[in-house]
Structures are given as structure tokens and as C-alpha cells.
Amino acid sequence: MAHFKSRRPTNNKRKKKSYRRTSKPASAQATDYGGTGQEAVYLRSLVDSGTMVVVVMTSGEQICGYMRYYDRDCFSLGPADGGPKLFLRKSSVRYLYEVTESAAQA
């Protein structure tokens, strides 16, 4: 009787699957703010210097005060008018800017 090779491979090695690397969608790339670490450096400088800032919320409301604390998702603002201290989520903030001394006096 003749010996025939089977059609299946005799070794149990499986073929490696090739995974295609996918890049992040354009929307995810545009909102990746934590990449450079410069946001934390800037917020730390605001906390240390005691500079007054104006925070513009996504609703259009503007809050003026001093930066007290920050972390990855939120920061604390001590309002300039002496009101209660606020915790603001970064996702609800449109932008913030520093108030210069000449603008504060006017």
C-alpha cells in the first residue's frame, strides 16, 4: 500500500493574521489635547501666578476669577466677586483667556 501525503499540513503552526494599522478618525485627532503636555504647564502657571482669567463656557456665559486647581477633566475657579468656588468640567469650556491689568482697571 502506498503512502499518500494528506492535503492538510502536518505541523500545527497557524498562519499569522496580518492586522492592518488603522489611524484615529479625523475627529479624534482634532480633539487630542493632551498630547504635548503644554495644557498642564499653562494651567500650572495660572495657578502659581494668581492671574485673573475669564472662562467662556459653551453656553456663552463668561466667568471671571482665579485658577485654583486643575486636573485632567476639570479645574477649580475662585470667582473674582468673592462668590463660591466653582469646579468646571473642561468639556463645558469653550476657551479661557487672561485678563491684563489695563483691562481689569477699565
Protein backbone atom coordinates (compact mmCIF):
# COMPACT_ATOMS: atom_id res chain seq x y z
CA MET A 1 0.00 0.00 0.00
CA ALA A 2 1.39 3.37 -1.00
CA HIS A 3 1.60 6.19 1.50
CA PHE A 4 -0.01 9.42 0.34
CA LYS A 5 0.55 12.78 1.95
CA SER A 6 -2.57 14.29 3.33
CA ARG A 7 -3.69 17.58 1.94
CA ARG A 8 -3.65 19.18 5.38
CA PRO A 9 -0.32 20.41 6.68
CA THR A 10 1.07 18.11 9.31
CA ASN A 11 2.51 20.84 11.51
CA ASN A 12 0.21 22.75 13.83
CA LYS A 13 1.57 26.16 13.04
CA ARG A 14 -1.14 28.60 12.23
CA LYS A 15 -0.70 31.39 9.81
CA LYS A 16 -0.27 34.72 11.48
CA LYS A 17 -3.09 37.11 10.86
CA SER A 18 -1.97 40.37 9.41
CA TYR A 19 -3.56 43.27 11.19
CA ARG A 20 -3.79 46.50 9.35
CA ARG A 21 -2.94 49.51 11.46
CA THR A 22 -5.71 51.99 11.42
CA SER A 23 -5.19 55.60 12.28
CA LYS A 24 -7.51 57.55 14.53
CA PRO A 25 -10.50 59.15 12.86
CA ALA A 26 -10.08 62.80 11.95
CA SER A 27 -12.45 63.86 14.73
CA ALA A 28 -10.36 62.04 17.36
CA GLN A 29 -7.14 63.56 16.07
CA ALA A 30 -8.54 67.07 16.29
CA THR A 31 -9.59 66.68 19.93
CA ASP A 32 -6.42 65.06 21.28
CA TYR A 33 -5.34 67.96 23.51
CA GLY A 34 -3.22 66.04 26.00
CA GLY A 35 -0.53 65.03 23.54
CA THR A 36 2.15 67.63 24.29
CA GLY A 37 1.55 68.31 27.98
CA GLN A 38 1.53 72.06 27.36
CA GLU A 39 -2.00 72.44 28.69
CA ALA A 40 -0.88 71.29 32.15
CA VAL A 41 2.13 73.62 32.04
CA TYR A 42 -0.07 76.59 31.16
CA LEU A 43 -2.68 75.82 33.83
CA ARG A 44 0.05 75.33 36.44
CA SER A 45 1.46 78.77 35.57
CA LEU A 46 -2.02 80.29 36.03
CA VAL A 47 -2.35 78.65 39.46
CA ASP A 48 1.13 79.77 40.57
CA SER A 49 0.92 83.35 39.30
CA GLY A 50 -2.61 84.10 40.50
CA THR A 51 -3.50 85.66 37.16
CA MET A 52 -7.15 86.56 36.68
CA VAL A 53 -8.79 84.68 33.79
CA VAL A 54 -12.11 84.82 32.01
CA VAL A 55 -13.63 81.41 31.23
CA VAL A 56 -16.12 81.32 28.36
CA MET A 57 -18.50 78.38 28.65
CA THR A 58 -20.04 76.55 25.68
CA SER A 59 -23.36 78.20 26.60
CA GLY A 60 -21.74 81.64 26.13
CA GLU A 61 -21.63 82.50 29.84
CA GLN A 62 -18.43 84.21 31.00
CA ILE A 63 -16.95 83.67 34.46
CA CYS A 64 -14.11 85.82 35.76
CA GLY A 65 -11.84 84.54 38.52
CA TYR A 66 -8.58 82.97 39.62
CA MET A 67 -7.43 79.46 38.74
CA ARG A 68 -7.08 77.40 41.94
CA TYR A 69 -6.77 73.75 40.88
CA TYR A 70 -6.76 71.63 37.73
CA ASP A 71 -6.62 68.01 36.69
CA ARG A 72 -7.26 66.04 33.52
CA ASP A 73 -11.04 66.58 33.36
CA CYS A 74 -11.85 69.70 35.36
CA PHE A 75 -10.47 72.74 37.11
CA SER A 76 -11.47 74.95 40.02
CA LEU A 77 -12.06 78.65 39.68
CA GLY A 78 -12.29 81.15 42.54
CA PRO A 79 -14.62 83.89 41.24
CA ALA A 80 -13.31 87.45 41.44
CA ASP A 81 -16.54 88.72 43.03
CA GLY A 82 -15.98 86.57 46.14
CA GLY A 83 -18.68 84.02 45.30
CA PRO A 84 -18.40 80.31 45.99
CA LYS A 85 -15.57 78.41 44.34
CA LEU A 86 -16.55 76.52 41.20
CA PHE A 87 -15.50 73.23 39.66
CA LEU A 88 -15.80 73.42 35.89
CA ARG A 89 -15.55 70.49 33.52
CA LYS A 90 -13.15 71.11 30.67
CA SER A 91 -15.68 69.65 28.24
CA SER A 92 -18.09 72.52 29.03
CA VAL A 93 -15.47 75.25 28.49
CA ARG A 94 -15.15 76.83 25.07
CA TYR A 95 -11.97 78.79 25.86
CA LEU A 96 -10.32 80.94 28.51
CA TYR A 97 -8.09 83.96 28.40
CA GLU A 98 -6.01 86.01 30.79
CA VAL A 99 -7.19 89.43 31.91
CA THR A 100 -4.49 92.06 31.54
CA GLU A 101 -4.06 94.75 34.19
CA SER A 102 -5.18 97.54 31.85
CA ALA A 103 -8.42 95.67 31.03
CA ALA A 104 -9.08 94.92 34.71
CA GLN A 105 -8.80 98.60 35.69
CA ALA A 106 -11.17 99.79 32.95
